[in-house]
Amino acid sequence: MWGEYSRLEILVGQDLKEEYGLRYRERLRLEIRDDTNWKEYDAQGRLELYYDEHSDQYRAFQPVTIDTSRLAHPLADETVALDIGANNLVACTTTTGKQYLYEGHDLFQRFRETTREIAWRQSLLDEGQYISHRIRRLYLRRTRRRDHTHDTLAHDLIERLYDEGVSTV
């Protein structure tokens, strides 16, 4: 189900080397569940791992390149115009006459409420202190909420526009 385990060697900083008792030229070795060689992609970038202190997790990123012949092509050659804003995240009109509106009033309100809470918590900090663990988490939550909204909106809009035959934005 998970595939065979394989080894992944990681170059680590001096802090981790000291913590795990590694010598100067030694590397940290981790077992990973899947094959890191993605055969379906033309080119693979460097696999990067980093530790996210706020979520207490390790995350991995590896950029890949795909052959352009595998890309989906729209059914027609229509065009769309977009208007991007804060209260209305995206308003768009296609040459086929369809219109889409993604309202963002509630999301913008939550963004402002979180910003007010950050400001309030900063006012409670000691003189000369500007950040705390709680404030960092609020910033992170606000950013992730915004990013998730943008990613979901873009995914939904692109699927709709593809079905409409839009090829130019």
Protein backbone atom coordinates (compact mmCIF):
# COMPACT_ATOMS: atom_id res chain seq x y z
CA MET A 1 0.00 0.00 0.00
CA TRP A 2 2.69 2.52 0.96
CA GLY A 3 5.35 1.17 -1.37
CA GLU A 4 8.76 0.21 -0.20
CA TYR A 5 10.73 2.35 2.15
CA SER A 6 13.76 4.03 0.68
CA ARG A 7 16.51 6.15 2.19
CA LEU A 8 16.74 9.88 1.89
CA GLU A 9 19.94 11.62 2.89
CA ILE A 10 19.65 15.17 4.07
CA LEU A 11 22.27 17.83 4.48
CA VAL A 12 21.67 19.32 7.90
CA GLY A 13 22.81 22.42 9.69
CA GLN A 14 25.29 22.54 12.53
CA ASP A 15 22.54 22.62 15.19
CA LEU A 16 21.07 19.29 14.12
CA LYS A 17 24.51 17.74 13.76
CA GLU A 18 25.30 18.65 17.35
CA GLU A 19 21.90 17.46 18.58
CA TYR A 20 22.21 14.03 16.92
CA GLY A 21 25.97 13.67 17.40
CA LEU A 22 26.81 13.67 13.69
CA ARG A 23 30.36 14.31 12.57
CA TYR A 24 31.35 17.00 10.06
CA ARG A 25 30.73 14.97 6.86
CA GLU A 26 27.87 12.80 8.11
CA ARG A 27 24.31 13.27 6.91
CA LEU A 28 21.00 12.68 8.59
CA ARG A 29 19.21 9.68 7.06
CA LEU A 30 15.45 9.33 7.02
CA GLU A 31 13.24 6.56 5.74
CA ILE A 32 10.49 7.66 3.40
CA ARG A 33 7.43 5.72 2.33
CA ASP A 34 7.28 6.38 -1.40
CA ASP A 35 9.66 6.41 -4.31
CA THR A 36 11.11 9.90 -4.71
CA ASN A 37 11.64 9.34 -8.44
CA TRP A 38 8.49 10.57 -10.22
CA LYS A 39 8.66 8.76 -13.56
CA GLU A 40 5.64 10.56 -15.03
CA TYR A 41 7.41 13.94 -15.00
CA ASP A 42 10.07 15.17 -17.44
CA ALA A 43 12.32 16.91 -14.96
CA GLN A 44 12.44 16.98 -11.19
CA GLY A 45 13.84 19.71 -9.01
CA ARG A 46 15.62 19.31 -5.73
CA LEU A 47 13.55 17.85 -2.90
CA GLU A 48 13.51 20.35 -0.06
CA LEU A 49 12.51 19.62 3.51
CA TYR A 50 11.84 22.16 6.19
CA TYR A 51 10.46 22.17 9.70
CA ASP A 52 7.34 24.26 10.32
CA GLU A 53 7.59 25.40 13.93
CA HIS A 54 3.98 26.54 14.14
CA SER A 55 2.43 23.24 13.09
CA ASP A 56 5.30 21.16 14.54
CA GLN A 57 5.65 19.20 11.27
CA TYR A 58 8.25 18.57 8.60
CA ARG A 59 7.17 19.53 5.09
CA ALA A 60 8.64 18.48 1.74
CA PHE A 61 8.54 20.27 -1.62
CA GLN A 62 9.79 19.07 -4.98
CA PRO A 63 9.11 21.03 -8.16
CA VAL A 64 8.48 18.99 -11.31
CA THR A 65 8.20 19.81 -15.02
CA ILE A 66 5.61 18.20 -17.28
CA ASP A 67 5.50 17.82 -21.04
CA THR A 68 3.27 20.52 -22.56
CA SER A 69 1.55 17.96 -24.79
CA ARG A 70 -0.04 16.52 -21.62
CA LEU A 71 -1.68 19.84 -20.73
CA ALA A 72 -5.45 20.09 -21.08
CA HIS A 73 -6.64 22.29 -23.93
CA PRO A 74 -9.95 24.19 -23.77
CA LEU A 75 -12.84 23.11 -25.95
CA ALA A 76 -13.03 26.49 -27.74
CA ASP A 77 -11.15 29.78 -28.02
CA GLU A 78 -13.13 32.11 -25.76
CA THR A 79 -11.83 34.99 -23.65
CA VAL A 80 -12.58 36.15 -20.10
CA ALA A 81 -12.07 39.45 -18.27
CA LEU A 82 -11.40 39.42 -14.51
CA ASP A 83 -11.84 42.10 -11.87
CA ILE A 84 -10.05 41.25 -8.63
CA GLY A 85 -10.91 43.02 -5.38
CA ALA A 86 -11.36 42.65 -1.62
CA ASN A 87 -15.11 42.46 -0.99
CA ASN A 88 -15.73 40.79 -4.35
CA LEU A 89 -12.71 38.55 -4.70
CA VAL A 90 -13.25 37.94 -8.41
CA ALA A 91 -15.87 39.13 -10.87
CA CYS A 92 -15.51 37.81 -14.40
CA THR A 93 -17.33 37.91 -17.71
CA THR A 94 -16.68 35.58 -20.62
CA THR A 95 -17.21 36.24 -24.33
CA THR A 96 -19.85 33.50 -24.20
CA GLY A 97 -21.95 35.78 -21.97
CA LYS A 98 -21.45 33.90 -18.70
CA GLN A 99 -20.68 35.90 -15.57
CA TYR A 100 -19.20 34.67 -12.30
CA LEU A 101 -18.96 36.50 -9.00
CA TYR A 102 -17.00 35.26 -5.99
CA GLU A 103 -17.97 37.38 -3.00
CA GLY A 104 -15.43 37.85 -0.26
CA HIS A 105 -17.27 40.06 2.22
CA ASP A 106 -17.43 37.40 4.96
CA LEU A 107 -13.81 36.38 4.41
CA PHE A 108 -12.68 40.01 4.45
CA GLN A 109 -14.64 40.52 7.69
CA ARG A 110 -12.86 37.52 9.30
CA PHE A 111 -9.52 38.88 8.06
CA ARG A 112 -10.25 42.25 9.72
CA GLU A 113 -11.39 40.58 12.96
CA THR A 114 -8.18 38.57 13.14
CA THR A 115 -6.17 41.74 12.44
CA ARG A 116 -8.00 43.52 15.29
CA GLU A 117 -7.25 40.59 17.63
CA ILE A 118 -3.56 40.75 16.65
CA ALA A 119 -3.51 44.49 17.40
CA TRP A 120 -5.26 43.96 20.75
CA ARG A 121 -2.83 41.22 21.78
CA GLN A 122 0.12 43.39 20.74
CA SER A 123 -1.18 46.16 22.99
CA LEU A 124 -0.99 43.74 25.93
CA LEU A 125 2.67 42.90 25.36
CA ASP A 126 5.46 44.28 27.51
CA GLU A 127 7.28 47.43 26.41
CA GLY A 128 9.69 46.66 23.56
CA GLN A 129 8.06 43.30 22.76
CA TYR A 130 6.22 43.12 19.45
CA ILE A 131 5.41 39.46 18.93
CA SER A 132 4.37 36.42 20.92
CA HIS A 133 3.70 32.78 20.11
CA ARG A 134 -0.07 33.46 20.06
CA ILE A 135 0.32 36.44 17.73
CA ARG A 136 2.50 34.38 15.36
CA ARG A 137 -0.20 31.71 15.28
CA LEU A 138 -2.85 34.34 14.51
CA TYR A 139 -0.75 35.70 11.63
CA LEU A 140 -0.24 32.16 10.35
CA ARG A 141 -3.95 31.29 10.63
CA ARG A 142 -4.92 34.49 8.81
CA THR A 143 -2.39 33.82 6.03
CA ARG A 144 -3.39 30.17 5.61
CA ARG A 145 -7.08 31.08 5.51
CA ARG A 146 -6.40 33.67 2.81
CA ASP A 147 -4.17 31.34 0.78
CA HIS A 148 -6.67 28.48 1.01
CA THR A 149 -9.45 30.79 -0.20
CA HIS A 150 -7.38 31.98 -3.16
CA ASP A 151 -6.31 28.45 -4.11
CA THR A 152 -9.86 27.08 -3.89
CA LEU A 153 -11.29 30.01 -5.80
CA ALA A 154 -8.68 29.70 -8.57
CA HIS A 155 -9.28 25.95 -8.88
CA ASP A 156 -13.06 26.36 -9.13
CA LEU A 157 -12.86 29.30 -11.54
CA ILE A 158 -10.37 27.60 -13.86
CA GLU A 159 -12.54 24.46 -14.03
CA ARG A 160 -15.61 26.55 -14.91
CA LEU A 161 -13.72 28.58 -17.50
CA TYR A 162 -12.26 25.44 -19.05
CA ASP A 163 -15.77 23.99 -19.41
CA GLU A 164 -16.83 27.25 -21.09
CA GLY A 165 -13.99 26.90 -23.62
CA VAL A 166 -11.98 29.87 -22.34
CA SER A 167 -8.36 29.91 -23.50
CA THR A 168 -7.39 33.52 -22.76
CA VAL A 169 -7.69 35.35 -19.44
